[in-house]
Amino acid sequence: MIEPPVWIGVDVQIGDHARLQGPLVIGDGATIGDGAQLRGSVILPGSTVRARRSSRTASWAGGCVA
């Protein structure tokens, strides 16, 4: 489910049942895992948010959020 405003870059992979609530920015090449819940966050290019993770008002750099 996507609730605007959400900006999604190119080559972004979004898993099943992910919940994306704006304001949210997802950078190019990021991966959002199954069931992840994101709100008020900036996911930087190339980052990975693993399945079933939740975030409010966060900024993630390249790498992996477990």
C-alpha atoms as a PDB file:
ATOM      1  CA  MET A   1       0.000   0.000   0.000  1.00  0.00           C
ATOM      2  CA  ILE A   2       1.298   3.447  -0.897  1.00  0.00           C
ATOM      3  CA  GLU A   3      -0.039   6.606   0.773  1.00  0.00           C
ATOM      4  CA  PRO A   4       1.284   9.822  -0.862  1.00  0.00           C
ATOM      5  CA  PRO A   5       3.446  11.756  -0.937  1.00  0.00           C
ATOM      6  CA  VAL A   6       5.981   9.033  -1.795  1.00  0.00           C
ATOM      7  CA  TRP A   7       8.879   9.538  -4.231  1.00  0.00           C
ATOM      8  CA  ILE A   8      10.365   6.320  -5.635  1.00  0.00           C
ATOM      9  CA  GLY A   9      13.623   6.269  -7.628  1.00  0.00           C
ATOM     10  CA  VAL A  10      14.535   4.041 -10.567  1.00  0.00           C
ATOM     11  CA  ASP A  11      15.320   0.323 -10.191  1.00  0.00           C
ATOM     12  CA  VAL A  12      13.685   0.152  -6.751  1.00  0.00           C
ATOM     13  CA  GLN A  13      12.436  -3.270  -5.627  1.00  0.00           C
ATOM     14  CA  ILE A  14       9.421  -3.275  -3.313  1.00  0.00           C
ATOM     15  CA  GLY A  15       8.357  -6.516  -1.638  1.00  0.00           C
ATOM     16  CA  ASP A  16       4.838  -7.823  -1.210  1.00  0.00           C
ATOM     17  CA  HIS A  17       2.677  -6.232   1.484  1.00  0.00           C
ATOM     18  CA  ALA A  18       5.079  -3.308   2.023  1.00  0.00           C
ATOM     19  CA  ARG A  19       3.359  -0.237   3.488  1.00  0.00           C
ATOM     20  CA  LEU A  20       4.793   3.079   2.337  1.00  0.00           C
ATOM     21  CA  GLN A  21       3.410   6.247   3.942  1.00  0.00           C
ATOM     22  CA  GLY A  22       4.510   9.734   2.995  1.00  0.00           C
ATOM     23  CA  PRO A  23       6.334  11.826   3.261  1.00  0.00           C
ATOM     24  CA  LEU A  24       8.795   9.206   2.050  1.00  0.00           C
ATOM     25  CA  VAL A  25      11.714   9.188  -0.389  1.00  0.00           C
ATOM     26  CA  ILE A  26      13.251   5.951  -1.706  1.00  0.00           C
ATOM     27  CA  GLY A  27      16.491   6.376  -3.635  1.00  0.00           C
ATOM     28  CA  ASP A  28      17.539   4.633  -6.838  1.00  0.00           C
ATOM     29  CA  GLY A  29      18.339   0.939  -6.563  1.00  0.00           C
ATOM     30  CA  ALA A  30      16.978   0.526  -3.031  1.00  0.00           C
ATOM     31  CA  THR A  31      15.281  -2.684  -1.925  1.00  0.00           C
ATOM     32  CA  ILE A  32      12.278  -2.686   0.396  1.00  0.00           C
ATOM     33  CA  GLY A  33      11.527  -6.120   1.869  1.00  0.00           C
ATOM     34  CA  ASP A  34       8.219  -7.963   2.169  1.00  0.00           C
ATOM     35  CA  GLY A  35       5.953  -6.409   4.775  1.00  0.00           C
ATOM     36  CA  ALA A  36       8.266  -3.473   5.564  1.00  0.00           C
ATOM     37  CA  GLN A  37       6.505  -0.382   6.946  1.00  0.00           C
ATOM     38  CA  LEU A  38       8.055   3.010   6.199  1.00  0.00           C
ATOM     39  CA  ARG A  39       6.813   6.487   7.056  1.00  0.00           C
ATOM     40  CA  GLY A  40       8.473   9.902   7.054  1.00  0.00           C
ATOM     41  CA  SER A  41      11.826   8.468   5.970  1.00  0.00           C
ATOM     42  CA  VAL A  42      14.582   8.931   3.400  1.00  0.00           C
ATOM     43  CA  ILE A  43      16.005   5.662   2.077  1.00  0.00           C
ATOM     44  CA  LEU A  44      19.261   6.473   0.309  1.00  0.00           C
ATOM     45  CA  PRO A  45      20.258   4.924  -3.033  1.00  0.00           C
ATOM     46  CA  GLY A  46      21.347   1.287  -2.855  1.00  0.00           C
ATOM     47  CA  SER A  47      19.998   0.721   0.663  1.00  0.00           C
ATOM     48  CA  THR A  48      18.160  -2.420   1.747  1.00  0.00           C
ATOM     49  CA  VAL A  49      15.314  -2.452   4.241  1.00  0.00           C
ATOM     50  CA  ARG A  50      14.716  -6.036   5.277  1.00  0.00           C
ATOM     51  CA  ALA A  51      11.357  -7.726   5.458  1.00  0.00           C
ATOM     52  CA  ARG A  52       8.882  -6.781   8.181  1.00  0.00           C
ATOM     53  CA  ARG A  53      10.885  -3.790   9.455  1.00  0.00           C
ATOM     54  CA  SER A  54       9.243  -0.596  10.600  1.00  0.00           C
ATOM     55  CA  SER A  55      10.531   2.970  10.532  1.00  0.00           C
ATOM     56  CA  ARG A  56       9.252   6.439  11.277  1.00  0.00           C
ATOM     57  CA  THR A  57      11.337   9.518  10.541  1.00  0.00           C
ATOM     58  CA  ALA A  58      14.600   7.779   9.670  1.00  0.00           C
ATOM     59  CA  SER A  59      17.361   8.191   7.133  1.00  0.00           C
ATOM     60  CA  TRP A  60      19.238   5.118   5.935  1.00  0.00           C
ATOM     61  CA  ALA A  61      22.471   5.067   4.034  1.00  0.00           C
ATOM     62  CA  GLY A  62      23.713   2.377   1.688  1.00  0.00           C
ATOM     63  CA  GLY A  63      23.975  -0.997   3.316  1.00  0.00           C
ATOM     64  CA  CYS A  64      21.399  -3.044   5.091  1.00  0.00           C
ATOM     65  CA  VAL A  65      18.902  -2.299   7.804  1.00  0.00           C
ATOM     66  CA  ALA A  66      18.130  -5.454   9.752  1.00  0.00           C
END
